[in-house]
Amino acid sequence: MTLSELLSPFSIGHCRVVSRVIAAPMAGITDLPFRTILKSCGAGLTFSEMVSVEALIRGHRKTYGILQRADGEVPFGIQLFGGNPDALAKAARQLEREQRCELIDINLGCPAKKVIRSGSGAALMREKQRLFMSVGKVVDAVSLPVTVKMRACDRPGDLRGVKLIPELFSRGIKAVFLHARCVSWNFSHPPEWKWIEMAVGMGRPIVGNGGILSPEDAVKMVERTGCDGVMVARGMLGNPWIFREIQQIVGEGKAAPVSFEERVETMKRHLSLSIRTFGEKQGILKMRKHLAWYVKGLPLASDFRGRINRLEDKRSILEEIRRYSKLIYEKYDNDG
């Protein structure tokens, strides 16, 4: 894919995606309020937090909360994790029957020990027979496009994930979201984009993931690998505008900086959405990390974080945002 095509629509099976710049599913982060913000900033496709197939089948109330989609959130993908092929298929059928989403993703890359012990996430990638049985049963169970998100390998040298790609496509997978890190690496380890380039020659579409922390990173990934799209994860934390910035840098050659006013208004909007969705107590608890991310790198950010983490009601938080904004404006004015 050429860089100019990054902003063009593409299809994942029969699901049309308006932009090839995609928001990654992130546990504890990509809830309905945050996805609403991401869509408004230009994310072409959004995903739920990963959903346990066992919890879904049993009808856990918390799980059904994860399945909520925002107004206008189309297309919307739901990411499933589980180690039992029949349970994965049953959960996928349920999602389609209830018209919850436009595509279903199977998590093959989560490195969390709890997930791996259950035979899910990266553990499923390690067992080819169970993996292909799971993929085959899910693909046969639904008419929705089925995708996988996976890491390139288990540990350096094996390239286990990349080598699975041709057979995944032959068994009906419609796209691979490839995280260019090993399961054994943490996020501080630089990604190996050469693995994405290698995967592009094994099947299409391949969407690259890993190390996109700025709009320039997205451009570099496409130019170096030829991937069919980019998936942003940590780069959108506190910076949902990265999707808009990527569009600007590709279309216009440069990205307009986000104003402090827009940052503050987004913080307020996100807070209101979170409280409306989860109630005041839970909504504020979920927002604390986002509010900290929104001010990362700004003056007096540490003081703001410390004060926010002690507040428990919307009115007090809005007052603290107002106080912080006033201090920032005064600092900028004093600095000329």
C-alpha atoms as a PDB file:
ATOM      1  CA  MET A   1       0.000   0.000   0.000  1.00  0.00           C
ATOM      2  CA  THR A   2       1.187   3.498  -0.776  1.00  0.00           C
ATOM      3  CA  LEU A   3       1.060   6.258   1.811  1.00  0.00           C
ATOM      4  CA  SER A   4      -1.719   8.136  -0.012  1.00  0.00           C
ATOM      5  CA  GLU A   5      -3.954   5.060   0.260  1.00  0.00           C
ATOM      6  CA  LEU A   6      -3.805   5.203   4.067  1.00  0.00           C
ATOM      7  CA  LEU A   7      -6.780   7.574   4.102  1.00  0.00           C
ATOM      8  CA  SER A   8      -8.833   5.561   1.611  1.00  0.00           C
ATOM      9  CA  PRO A   9     -11.590   3.092   2.549  1.00  0.00           C
ATOM     10  CA  PHE A  10     -10.910  -0.626   2.493  1.00  0.00           C
ATOM     11  CA  SER A  11     -12.812  -3.805   3.148  1.00  0.00           C
ATOM     12  CA  ILE A  12     -12.384  -6.478   5.777  1.00  0.00           C
ATOM     13  CA  GLY A  13     -14.549  -9.190   4.310  1.00  0.00           C
ATOM     14  CA  HIS A  14     -17.838  -7.435   3.585  1.00  0.00           C
ATOM     15  CA  CYS A  15     -17.200  -4.821   6.303  1.00  0.00           C
ATOM     16  CA  ARG A  16     -16.295  -1.454   4.791  1.00  0.00           C
ATOM     17  CA  VAL A  17     -13.868   0.598   6.873  1.00  0.00           C
ATOM     18  CA  VAL A  18     -13.759   4.298   6.017  1.00  0.00           C
ATOM     19  CA  SER A  19     -10.121   4.849   7.009  1.00  0.00           C
ATOM     20  CA  ARG A  20      -7.140   2.539   7.405  1.00  0.00           C
ATOM     21  CA  VAL A  21      -6.123   4.238  10.661  1.00  0.00           C
ATOM     22  CA  ILE A  22      -7.567   2.004  13.368  1.00  0.00           C
ATOM     23  CA  ALA A  23      -7.842   2.164  17.162  1.00  0.00           C
ATOM     24  CA  ALA A  24      -6.545  -0.926  18.960  1.00  0.00           C
ATOM     25  CA  PRO A  25      -8.589  -2.812  21.548  1.00  0.00           C
ATOM     26  CA  MET A  26      -7.077  -2.135  24.975  1.00  0.00           C
ATOM     27  CA  ALA A  27      -8.273  -3.783  28.176  1.00  0.00           C
ATOM     28  CA  GLY A  28      -9.447  -1.263  30.738  1.00  0.00           C
ATOM     29  CA  ILE A  29      -9.074   1.615  28.292  1.00  0.00           C
ATOM     30  CA  THR A  30     -11.163   1.403  25.102  1.00  0.00           C
ATOM     31  CA  ASP A  31     -14.529   1.660  26.820  1.00  0.00           C
ATOM     32  CA  LEU A  32     -17.545   3.362  25.258  1.00  0.00           C
ATOM     33  CA  PRO A  33     -16.689   6.933  26.396  1.00  0.00           C
ATOM     34  CA  PHE A  34     -13.126   6.783  25.089  1.00  0.00           C
ATOM     35  CA  ARG A  35     -14.192   5.182  21.804  1.00  0.00           C
ATOM     36  CA  THR A  36     -16.713   8.009  21.359  1.00  0.00           C
ATOM     37  CA  ILE A  37     -13.834  10.466  21.604  1.00  0.00           C
ATOM     38  CA  LEU A  38     -11.664   8.385  19.253  1.00  0.00           C
ATOM     39  CA  LYS A  39     -14.377   8.215  16.585  1.00  0.00           C
ATOM     40  CA  SER A  40     -14.874  11.977  16.761  1.00  0.00           C
ATOM     41  CA  CYS A  41     -11.130  12.379  16.149  1.00  0.00           C
ATOM     42  CA  GLY A  42     -11.138  10.211  13.034  1.00  0.00           C
ATOM     43  CA  ALA A  43     -10.534   6.586  14.019  1.00  0.00           C
ATOM     44  CA  GLY A  44     -11.697   4.485  11.072  1.00  0.00           C
ATOM     45  CA  LEU A  45     -12.473   1.385  13.118  1.00  0.00           C
ATOM     46  CA  THR A  46     -12.823   0.877  16.860  1.00  0.00           C
ATOM     47  CA  PHE A  47     -12.879  -2.236  19.022  1.00  0.00           C
ATOM     48  CA  SER A  48     -14.270  -3.171  22.398  1.00  0.00           C
ATOM     49  CA  GLU A  49     -12.012  -4.104  25.231  1.00  0.00           C
ATOM     50  CA  MET A  50     -11.303  -7.818  25.003  1.00  0.00           C
ATOM     51  CA  VAL A  51     -14.259  -9.937  26.068  1.00  0.00           C
ATOM     52  CA  SER A  52     -14.061 -13.307  27.817  1.00  0.00           C
ATOM     53  CA  VAL A  53     -16.114 -15.851  25.882  1.00  0.00           C
ATOM     54  CA  GLU A  54     -16.961 -17.721  29.079  1.00  0.00           C
ATOM     55  CA  ALA A  55     -18.252 -14.570  30.760  1.00  0.00           C
ATOM     56  CA  LEU A  56     -20.238 -13.652  27.654  1.00  0.00           C
ATOM     57  CA  ILE A  57     -21.895 -17.045  27.420  1.00  0.00           C
ATOM     58  CA  ARG A  58     -22.796 -16.946  31.113  1.00  0.00           C
ATOM     59  CA  GLY A  59     -24.347 -13.520  30.727  1.00  0.00           C
ATOM     60  CA  HIS A  60     -22.158 -11.607  33.162  1.00  0.00           C
ATOM     61  CA  ARG A  61     -23.557  -8.102  33.566  1.00  0.00           C
ATOM     62  CA  LYS A  62     -20.138  -6.432  33.469  1.00  0.00           C
ATOM     63  CA  THR A  63     -19.384  -8.164  30.169  1.00  0.00           C
ATOM     64  CA  TYR A  64     -22.568  -6.830  28.614  1.00  0.00           C
ATOM     65  CA  GLY A  65     -21.437  -3.376  29.634  1.00  0.00           C
ATOM     66  CA  ILE A  66     -18.270  -3.866  27.585  1.00  0.00           C
ATOM     67  CA  LEU A  67     -20.390  -4.731  24.533  1.00  0.00           C
ATOM     68  CA  GLN A  68     -22.156  -1.364  24.426  1.00  0.00           C
ATOM     69  CA  ARG A  69     -21.364   0.675  21.356  1.00  0.00           C
ATOM     70  CA  ALA A  70     -21.413   4.437  21.017  1.00  0.00           C
ATOM     71  CA  ASP A  71     -23.912   6.307  18.860  1.00  0.00           C
ATOM     72  CA  GLY A  72     -22.684   6.205  15.279  1.00  0.00           C
ATOM     73  CA  GLU A  73     -19.898   3.750  16.115  1.00  0.00           C
ATOM     74  CA  VAL A  74     -19.930   1.909  12.800  1.00  0.00           C
ATOM     75  CA  PRO A  75     -18.088  -0.197  12.012  1.00  0.00           C
ATOM     76  CA  PHE A  76     -17.482  -1.659  15.449  1.00  0.00           C
ATOM     77  CA  GLY A  77     -15.462  -4.767  16.274  1.00  0.00           C
ATOM     78  CA  ILE A  78     -15.614  -6.962  19.356  1.00  0.00           C
ATOM     79  CA  GLN A  79     -12.476  -8.790  20.427  1.00  0.00           C
ATOM     80  CA  LEU A  80     -12.943 -12.201  22.014  1.00  0.00           C
ATOM     81  CA  PHE A  81     -10.490 -14.187  24.081  1.00  0.00           C
ATOM     82  CA  GLY A  82     -10.870 -17.782  25.118  1.00  0.00           C
ATOM     83  CA  GLY A  83      -9.162 -21.139  24.879  1.00  0.00           C
ATOM     84  CA  ASN A  84     -12.110 -23.391  24.032  1.00  0.00           C
ATOM     85  CA  PRO A  85     -12.977 -23.598  20.305  1.00  0.00           C
ATOM     86  CA  ASP A  86     -16.635 -24.431  20.937  1.00  0.00           C
ATOM     87  CA  ALA A  87     -17.025 -21.587  23.429  1.00  0.00           C
ATOM     88  CA  LEU A  88     -15.430 -19.134  21.003  1.00  0.00           C
ATOM     89  CA  ALA A  89     -17.861 -20.212  18.282  1.00  0.00           C
ATOM     90  CA  LYS A  90     -20.848 -20.019  20.623  1.00  0.00           C
ATOM     91  CA  ALA A  91     -19.888 -16.526  21.770  1.00  0.00           C
ATOM     92  CA  ALA A  92     -19.427 -15.387  18.169  1.00  0.00           C
ATOM     93  CA  ARG A  93     -22.867 -16.709  17.200  1.00  0.00           C
ATOM     94  CA  GLN A  94     -24.376 -14.866  20.142  1.00  0.00           C
ATOM     95  CA  LEU A  95     -22.752 -11.579  19.105  1.00  0.00           C
ATOM     96  CA  GLU A  96     -24.046 -11.940  15.565  1.00  0.00           C
ATOM     97  CA  ARG A  97     -27.537 -12.943  16.684  1.00  0.00           C
ATOM     98  CA  GLU A  98     -27.716  -9.893  18.949  1.00  0.00           C
ATOM     99  CA  GLN A  99     -26.300  -7.641  16.184  1.00  0.00           C
ATOM    100  CA  ARG A 100     -23.591  -6.333  18.490  1.00  0.00           C
ATOM    101  CA  CYS A 101     -20.879  -5.629  15.921  1.00  0.00           C
ATOM    102  CA  GLU A 102     -19.729  -5.646  12.294  1.00  0.00           C
ATOM    103  CA  LEU A 103     -16.707  -7.899  12.815  1.00  0.00           C
ATOM    104  CA  ILE A 104     -15.261 -10.278  15.380  1.00  0.00           C
ATOM    105  CA  ASP A 105     -11.594 -10.384  16.362  1.00  0.00           C
ATOM    106  CA  ILE A 106      -9.868 -13.275  18.113  1.00  0.00           C
ATOM    107  CA  ASN A 107      -7.119 -12.285  20.537  1.00  0.00           C
ATOM    108  CA  LEU A 108      -3.935 -14.297  19.903  1.00  0.00           C
ATOM    109  CA  GLY A 109      -1.464 -11.894  21.441  1.00  0.00           C
ATOM    110  CA  CYS A 110      -2.344 -10.949  25.015  1.00  0.00           C
ATOM    111  CA  PRO A 111       0.753 -11.694  27.150  1.00  0.00           C
ATOM    112  CA  ALA A 112      -0.966 -11.343  30.549  1.00  0.00           C
ATOM    113  CA  LYS A 113      -0.147 -14.358  32.721  1.00  0.00           C
ATOM    114  CA  LYS A 114      -3.756 -14.782  33.830  1.00  0.00           C
ATOM    115  CA  VAL A 115      -4.935 -14.920  30.208  1.00  0.00           C
ATOM    116  CA  ILE A 116      -2.164 -17.286  29.117  1.00  0.00           C
ATOM    117  CA  ARG A 117      -2.853 -19.665  32.033  1.00  0.00           C
ATOM    118  CA  SER A 118      -6.424 -20.003  30.754  1.00  0.00           C
ATOM    119  CA  GLY A 119      -5.123 -21.138  27.358  1.00  0.00           C
ATOM    120  CA  SER A 120      -6.191 -17.860  25.741  1.00  0.00           C
ATOM    121  CA  GLY A 121      -4.410 -14.937  24.097  1.00  0.00           C
ATOM    122  CA  ALA A 122      -0.797 -15.713  23.217  1.00  0.00           C
ATOM    123  CA  ALA A 123      -1.196 -19.266  24.548  1.00  0.00           C
ATOM    124  CA  LEU A 124      -3.605 -20.055  21.710  1.00  0.00           C
ATOM    125  CA  MET A 125      -0.953 -19.028  19.182  1.00  0.00           C
ATOM    126  CA  ARG A 126       1.386 -21.643  20.661  1.00  0.00           C
ATOM    127  CA  GLU A 127      -0.915 -24.601  19.908  1.00  0.00           C
ATOM    128  CA  LYS A 128      -1.535 -24.829  16.177  1.00  0.00           C
ATOM    129  CA  GLN A 129      -4.133 -27.587  16.304  1.00  0.00           C
ATOM    130  CA  ARG A 130      -6.307 -25.825  18.875  1.00  0.00           C
ATOM    131  CA  LEU A 131      -5.729 -22.470  17.178  1.00  0.00           C
ATOM    132  CA  PHE A 132      -6.876 -23.629  13.759  1.00  0.00           C
ATOM    133  CA  MET A 133      -9.795 -25.502  15.260  1.00  0.00           C
ATOM    134  CA  SER A 134     -10.843 -22.322  17.050  1.00  0.00           C
ATOM    135  CA  VAL A 135     -10.498 -20.176  13.937  1.00  0.00           C
ATOM    136  CA  GLY A 136     -12.368 -22.698  11.791  1.00  0.00           C
ATOM    137  CA  LYS A 137     -15.270 -22.996  14.221  1.00  0.00           C
ATOM    138  CA  VAL A 138     -15.664 -19.242  14.631  1.00  0.00           C
ATOM    139  CA  VAL A 139     -15.498 -18.628  10.867  1.00  0.00           C
ATOM    140  CA  ASP A 140     -18.092 -21.361  10.254  1.00  0.00           C
ATOM    141  CA  ALA A 141     -20.330 -20.079  13.056  1.00  0.00           C
ATOM    142  CA  VAL A 142     -20.926 -16.567  11.710  1.00  0.00           C
ATOM    143  CA  SER A 143     -21.337 -14.598   8.514  1.00  0.00           C
ATOM    144  CA  LEU A 144     -19.489 -11.643  10.073  1.00  0.00           C
ATOM    145  CA  PRO A 145     -15.842 -11.133   9.053  1.00  0.00           C
ATOM    146  CA  VAL A 146     -13.435 -12.746  11.524  1.00  0.00           C
ATOM    147  CA  THR A 147      -9.986 -11.267  12.169  1.00  0.00           C
ATOM    148  CA  VAL A 148      -7.095 -11.984  14.518  1.00  0.00           C
ATOM    149  CA  LYS A 149      -4.814  -9.700  16.504  1.00  0.00           C
ATOM    150  CA  MET A 150      -1.525 -11.389  17.233  1.00  0.00           C
ATOM    151  CA  ARG A 151       2.082 -10.823  18.140  1.00  0.00           C
ATOM    152  CA  ALA A 152       4.759 -11.624  15.586  1.00  0.00           C
ATOM    153  CA  CYS A 153       6.408 -14.286  17.718  1.00  0.00           C
ATOM    154  CA  ASP A 154       6.649 -15.877  21.114  1.00  0.00           C
ATOM    155  CA  ARG A 155      10.285 -14.938  21.658  1.00  0.00           C
ATOM    156  CA  PRO A 156      13.070 -13.601  19.427  1.00  0.00           C
ATOM    157  CA  GLY A 157      14.023 -15.993  16.646  1.00  0.00           C
ATOM    158  CA  ASP A 158      10.928 -18.158  16.346  1.00  0.00           C
ATOM    159  CA  LEU A 159       8.561 -15.864  14.327  1.00  0.00           C
ATOM    160  CA  ARG A 160       5.783 -18.239  15.326  1.00  0.00           C
ATOM    161  CA  GLY A 161       3.015 -15.740  14.667  1.00  0.00           C
ATOM    162  CA  VAL A 162       4.234 -14.562  11.282  1.00  0.00           C
ATOM    163  CA  LYS A 163       4.555 -18.147  10.047  1.00  0.00           C
ATOM    164  CA  LEU A 164       0.911 -18.831  10.923  1.00  0.00           C
ATOM    165  CA  ILE A 165      -0.431 -16.061   8.701  1.00  0.00           C
ATOM    166  CA  PRO A 166      -0.844 -17.918   5.365  1.00  0.00           C
ATOM    167  CA  GLU A 167      -2.873 -20.690   6.954  1.00  0.00           C
ATOM    168  CA  LEU A 168      -4.958 -18.252   8.975  1.00  0.00           C
ATOM    169  CA  PHE A 169      -6.044 -16.587   5.742  1.00  0.00           C
ATOM    170  CA  SER A 170      -6.654 -19.947   4.072  1.00  0.00           C
ATOM    171  CA  ARG A 171      -9.005 -20.868   6.933  1.00  0.00           C
ATOM    172  CA  GLY A 172     -11.155 -17.790   6.445  1.00  0.00           C
ATOM    173  CA  ILE A 173      -9.567 -15.017   8.484  1.00  0.00           C
ATOM    174  CA  LYS A 174     -10.279 -11.692   6.737  1.00  0.00           C
ATOM    175  CA  ALA A 175      -7.484  -9.541   8.225  1.00  0.00           C
ATOM    176  CA  VAL A 176      -4.503  -9.841  10.554  1.00  0.00           C
ATOM    177  CA  PHE A 177      -3.631  -7.089  13.013  1.00  0.00           C
ATOM    178  CA  LEU A 178       0.050  -7.768  13.621  1.00  0.00           C
ATOM    179  CA  HIS A 179       1.793  -6.394  16.701  1.00  0.00           C
ATOM    180  CA  ALA A 180       5.487  -6.276  15.828  1.00  0.00           C
ATOM    181  CA  ARG A 181       6.738  -7.462  19.196  1.00  0.00           C
ATOM    182  CA  CYS A 182       7.380 -10.828  20.815  1.00  0.00           C
ATOM    183  CA  VAL A 183       5.096 -12.096  23.554  1.00  0.00           C
ATOM    184  CA  SER A 184       8.099 -12.056  25.891  1.00  0.00           C
ATOM    185  CA  TRP A 185       8.759  -8.340  25.283  1.00  0.00           C
ATOM    186  CA  ASN A 186       7.174  -5.525  27.237  1.00  0.00           C
ATOM    187  CA  PHE A 187       6.089  -2.283  25.589  1.00  0.00           C
ATOM    188  CA  SER A 188       9.387  -0.543  26.286  1.00  0.00           C
ATOM    189  CA  HIS A 189      11.124  -2.873  23.821  1.00  0.00           C
ATOM    190  CA  PRO A 190      11.260  -1.319  20.340  1.00  0.00           C
ATOM    191  CA  PRO A 191       8.988  -3.064  17.805  1.00  0.00           C
ATOM    192  CA  GLU A 192      10.484  -4.863  14.802  1.00  0.00           C
ATOM    193  CA  TRP A 193       8.614  -3.451  11.810  1.00  0.00           C
ATOM    194  CA  LYS A 194      10.532  -5.762   9.465  1.00  0.00           C
ATOM    195  CA  TRP A 195       8.221  -8.522  10.666  1.00  0.00           C
ATOM    196  CA  ILE A 196       5.228  -6.557   9.392  1.00  0.00           C
ATOM    197  CA  GLU A 197       6.942  -6.163   6.024  1.00  0.00           C
ATOM    198  CA  MET A 198       7.553  -9.909   5.965  1.00  0.00           C
ATOM    199  CA  ALA A 199       3.905 -10.612   6.795  1.00  0.00           C
ATOM    200  CA  VAL A 200       2.598  -8.395   3.979  1.00  0.00           C
ATOM    201  CA  GLY A 201       4.005 -10.915   1.524  1.00  0.00           C
ATOM    202  CA  MET A 202       2.068 -13.750   3.166  1.00  0.00           C
ATOM    203  CA  GLY A 203      -1.504 -12.476   2.908  1.00  0.00           C
ATOM    204  CA  ARG A 204      -3.630  -9.337   2.811  1.00  0.00           C
ATOM    205  CA  PRO A 205      -4.800  -7.239   4.491  1.00  0.00           C
ATOM    206  CA  ILE A 206      -2.099  -6.903   7.136  1.00  0.00           C
ATOM    207  CA  VAL A 207      -2.578  -4.006   9.564  1.00  0.00           C
ATOM    208  CA  GLY A 208       0.594  -3.007  11.394  1.00  0.00           C
ATOM    209  CA  ASN A 209       0.643  -2.349  15.129  1.00  0.00           C
ATOM    210  CA  GLY A 210       3.376  -1.360  17.562  1.00  0.00           C
ATOM    211  CA  GLY A 211       5.375   1.804  18.098  1.00  0.00           C
ATOM    212  CA  ILE A 212       2.978   4.357  16.604  1.00  0.00           C
ATOM    213  CA  LEU A 213       3.302   7.159  19.138  1.00  0.00           C
ATOM    214  CA  SER A 214       3.077  10.073  16.690  1.00  0.00           C
ATOM    215  CA  PRO A 215       1.590  10.743  13.248  1.00  0.00           C
ATOM    216  CA  GLU A 216       5.099  10.589  11.813  1.00  0.00           C
ATOM    217  CA  ASP A 217       5.437   7.030  13.134  1.00  0.00           C
ATOM    218  CA  ALA A 218       2.360   5.977  11.154  1.00  0.00           C
ATOM    219  CA  VAL A 219       3.877   7.425   7.979  1.00  0.00           C
ATOM    220  CA  LYS A 220       7.182   5.652   8.607  1.00  0.00           C
ATOM    221  CA  MET A 221       5.469   2.306   9.235  1.00  0.00           C
ATOM    222  CA  VAL A 222       3.556   2.418   5.953  1.00  0.00           C
ATOM    223  CA  GLU A 223       6.599   3.552   3.974  1.00  0.00           C
ATOM    224  CA  ARG A 224       8.843   0.863   5.470  1.00  0.00           C
ATOM    225  CA  THR A 225       6.457  -2.086   5.465  1.00  0.00           C
ATOM    226  CA  GLY A 226       3.769  -1.496   2.821  1.00  0.00           C
ATOM    227  CA  CYS A 227       1.133  -2.608   5.331  1.00  0.00           C
ATOM    228  CA  ASP A 228      -2.553  -2.182   4.506  1.00  0.00           C
ATOM    229  CA  GLY A 229      -3.363  -0.031   7.530  1.00  0.00           C
ATOM    230  CA  VAL A 230      -2.043   1.070  10.900  1.00  0.00           C
ATOM    231  CA  MET A 231      -3.408   0.316  14.352  1.00  0.00           C
ATOM    232  CA  VAL A 232      -2.705   2.838  17.099  1.00  0.00           C
ATOM    233  CA  ALA A 233      -2.597   1.769  20.755  1.00  0.00           C
ATOM    234  CA  ARG A 234      -0.525   3.632  23.375  1.00  0.00           C
ATOM    235  CA  GLY A 235      -0.122   6.567  21.003  1.00  0.00           C
ATOM    236  CA  MET A 236      -3.782   7.495  21.476  1.00  0.00           C
ATOM    237  CA  LEU A 237      -3.622   7.671  25.284  1.00  0.00           C
ATOM    238  CA  GLY A 238      -4.118  11.310  26.168  1.00  0.00           C
ATOM    239  CA  ASN A 239      -3.894  12.061  22.445  1.00  0.00           C
ATOM    240  CA  PRO A 240      -7.040  10.911  20.620  1.00  0.00           C
ATOM    241  CA  TRP A 241      -6.236  13.598  18.035  1.00  0.00           C
ATOM    242  CA  ILE A 242      -3.473  11.363  16.649  1.00  0.00           C
ATOM    243  CA  PHE A 243      -6.014   9.969  14.170  1.00  0.00           C
ATOM    244  CA  ARG A 244      -6.785  13.444  12.853  1.00  0.00           C
ATOM    245  CA  GLU A 245      -3.089  14.314  12.837  1.00  0.00           C
ATOM    246  CA  ILE A 246      -2.243  11.239  10.770  1.00  0.00           C
ATOM    247  CA  GLN A 247      -4.891  12.253   8.241  1.00  0.00           C
ATOM    248  CA  GLN A 248      -3.499  15.785   8.127  1.00  0.00           C
ATOM    249  CA  ILE A 249       0.127  14.769   7.716  1.00  0.00           C
ATOM    250  CA  VAL A 250      -0.738  12.354   4.907  1.00  0.00           C
ATOM    251  CA  GLY A 251      -3.174  14.672   3.167  1.00  0.00           C
ATOM    252  CA  GLU A 252      -1.553  18.059   3.787  1.00  0.00           C
ATOM    253  CA  GLY A 253       2.059  17.299   4.672  1.00  0.00           C
ATOM    254  CA  LYS A 254       1.828  18.579   8.241  1.00  0.00           C
ATOM    255  CA  ALA A 255      -0.415  18.278  11.285  1.00  0.00           C
ATOM    256  CA  ALA A 256      -1.963  21.232  13.079  1.00  0.00           C
ATOM    257  CA  PRO A 257      -1.045  21.287  16.785  1.00  0.00           C
ATOM    258  CA  VAL A 258      -3.846  20.619  19.248  1.00  0.00           C
ATOM    259  CA  SER A 259      -4.756  23.795  21.109  1.00  0.00           C
ATOM    260  CA  PHE A 260      -4.864  23.834  24.891  1.00  0.00           C
ATOM    261  CA  GLU A 261      -8.507  24.931  24.643  1.00  0.00           C
ATOM    262  CA  GLU A 262      -9.433  21.842  22.641  1.00  0.00           C
ATOM    263  CA  ARG A 263      -7.526  19.630  25.072  1.00  0.00           C
ATOM    264  CA  VAL A 264      -9.476  21.055  28.016  1.00  0.00           C
ATOM    265  CA  GLU A 265     -12.837  20.767  26.254  1.00  0.00           C
ATOM    266  CA  THR A 266     -12.085  17.143  25.336  1.00  0.00           C
ATOM    267  CA  MET A 267     -11.184  16.373  28.952  1.00  0.00           C
ATOM    268  CA  LYS A 268     -14.526  17.796  30.080  1.00  0.00           C
ATOM    269  CA  ARG A 269     -16.480  15.964  27.398  1.00  0.00           C
ATOM    270  CA  HIS A 270     -14.728  12.675  28.169  1.00  0.00           C
ATOM    271  CA  LEU A 271     -15.464  13.124  31.878  1.00  0.00           C
ATOM    272  CA  SER A 272     -19.165  13.756  31.210  1.00  0.00           C
ATOM    273  CA  LEU A 273     -19.396  10.717  28.918  1.00  0.00           C
ATOM    274  CA  SER A 274     -17.718   8.512  31.515  1.00  0.00           C
ATOM    275  CA  ILE A 275     -20.055   9.618  34.304  1.00  0.00           C
ATOM    276  CA  ARG A 276     -23.105   9.274  32.060  1.00  0.00           C
ATOM    277  CA  THR A 277     -22.050   5.732  31.113  1.00  0.00           C
ATOM    278  CA  PHE A 278     -20.809   4.365  34.443  1.00  0.00           C
ATOM    279  CA  GLY A 279     -22.276   6.657  37.101  1.00  0.00           C
ATOM    280  CA  GLU A 280     -20.346   9.290  39.032  1.00  0.00           C
ATOM    281  CA  LYS A 281     -18.237   7.050  41.280  1.00  0.00           C
ATOM    282  CA  GLN A 282     -17.103   4.523  38.668  1.00  0.00           C
ATOM    283  CA  GLY A 283     -16.970   7.099  35.914  1.00  0.00           C
ATOM    284  CA  ILE A 284     -14.514   9.216  37.879  1.00  0.00           C
ATOM    285  CA  LEU A 285     -12.371   6.226  38.840  1.00  0.00           C
ATOM    286  CA  LYS A 286     -12.099   5.248  35.179  1.00  0.00           C
ATOM    287  CA  MET A 287     -11.300   8.829  34.157  1.00  0.00           C
ATOM    288  CA  ARG A 288      -8.396   9.474  36.507  1.00  0.00           C
ATOM    289  CA  LYS A 289      -5.854   7.760  34.278  1.00  0.00           C
ATOM    290  CA  HIS A 290      -7.214   9.503  31.178  1.00  0.00           C
ATOM    291  CA  LEU A 291      -7.056  12.930  32.810  1.00  0.00           C
ATOM    292  CA  ALA A 292      -3.436  12.234  33.745  1.00  0.00           C
ATOM    293  CA  TRP A 293      -2.646  11.227  30.160  1.00  0.00           C
ATOM    294  CA  TYR A 294      -4.300  14.346  28.741  1.00  0.00           C
ATOM    295  CA  VAL A 295      -1.893  16.623  30.622  1.00  0.00           C
ATOM    296  CA  LYS A 296       1.254  14.510  30.212  1.00  0.00           C
ATOM    297  CA  GLY A 297       4.156  16.719  29.223  1.00  0.00           C
ATOM    298  CA  LEU A 298       2.373  19.950  30.117  1.00  0.00           C
ATOM    299  CA  PRO A 299       3.544  22.359  32.835  1.00  0.00           C
ATOM    300  CA  LEU A 300       2.343  21.576  36.367  1.00  0.00           C
ATOM    301  CA  ALA A 301       1.027  18.181  35.235  1.00  0.00           C
ATOM    302  CA  SER A 302       2.301  16.363  38.321  1.00  0.00           C
ATOM    303  CA  ASP A 303       0.466  18.738  40.648  1.00  0.00           C
ATOM    304  CA  PHE A 304      -2.731  18.355  38.606  1.00  0.00           C
ATOM    305  CA  ARG A 305      -2.531  14.548  38.732  1.00  0.00           C
ATOM    306  CA  GLY A 306      -2.012  14.531  42.477  1.00  0.00           C
ATOM    307  CA  ARG A 307      -5.013  16.782  43.087  1.00  0.00           C
ATOM    308  CA  ILE A 308      -7.320  14.925  40.666  1.00  0.00           C
ATOM    309  CA  ASN A 309      -6.613  11.569  42.318  1.00  0.00           C
ATOM    310  CA  ARG A 310      -8.026  12.883  45.593  1.00  0.00           C
ATOM    311  CA  LEU A 311     -11.302  14.163  44.148  1.00  0.00           C
ATOM    312  CA  GLU A 312     -14.475  12.095  44.030  1.00  0.00           C
ATOM    313  CA  ASP A 313     -17.215  14.205  42.449  1.00  0.00           C
ATOM    314  CA  LYS A 314     -17.714  15.805  39.052  1.00  0.00           C
ATOM    315  CA  ARG A 315     -18.083  19.344  40.343  1.00  0.00           C
ATOM    316  CA  SER A 316     -14.738  19.229  42.171  1.00  0.00           C
ATOM    317  CA  ILE A 317     -12.945  17.773  39.149  1.00  0.00           C
ATOM    318  CA  LEU A 318     -14.366  20.408  36.813  1.00  0.00           C
ATOM    319  CA  GLU A 319     -13.256  23.071  39.278  1.00  0.00           C
ATOM    320  CA  GLU A 320      -9.749  21.555  39.355  1.00  0.00           C
ATOM    321  CA  ILE A 321      -9.627  21.527  35.532  1.00  0.00           C
ATOM    322  CA  ARG A 322     -10.686  25.203  35.601  1.00  0.00           C
ATOM    323  CA  ARG A 323      -8.019  26.012  38.202  1.00  0.00           C
ATOM    324  CA  TYR A 324      -5.350  24.174  36.218  1.00  0.00           C
ATOM    325  CA  SER A 325      -6.390  25.898  32.991  1.00  0.00           C
ATOM    326  CA  LYS A 326      -6.131  29.290  34.665  1.00  0.00           C
ATOM    327  CA  LEU A 327      -2.606  28.494  35.893  1.00  0.00           C
ATOM    328  CA  ILE A 328      -1.540  27.389  32.415  1.00  0.00           C
ATOM    329  CA  TYR A 329      -2.971  30.501  30.771  1.00  0.00           C
ATOM    330  CA  GLU A 330      -1.224  32.687  33.337  1.00  0.00           C
ATOM    331  CA  LYS A 331       2.059  30.902  32.737  1.00  0.00           C
ATOM    332  CA  TYR A 332       1.769  31.314  28.971  1.00  0.00           C
ATOM    333  CA  ASP A 333       0.825  34.983  29.388  1.00  0.00           C
ATOM    334  CA  ASN A 334       3.775  35.582  31.728  1.00  0.00           C
ATOM    335  CA  ASP A 335       6.090  33.797  29.306  1.00  0.00           C
ATOM    336  CA  GLY A 336       4.960  36.204  26.620  1.00  0.00           C
END
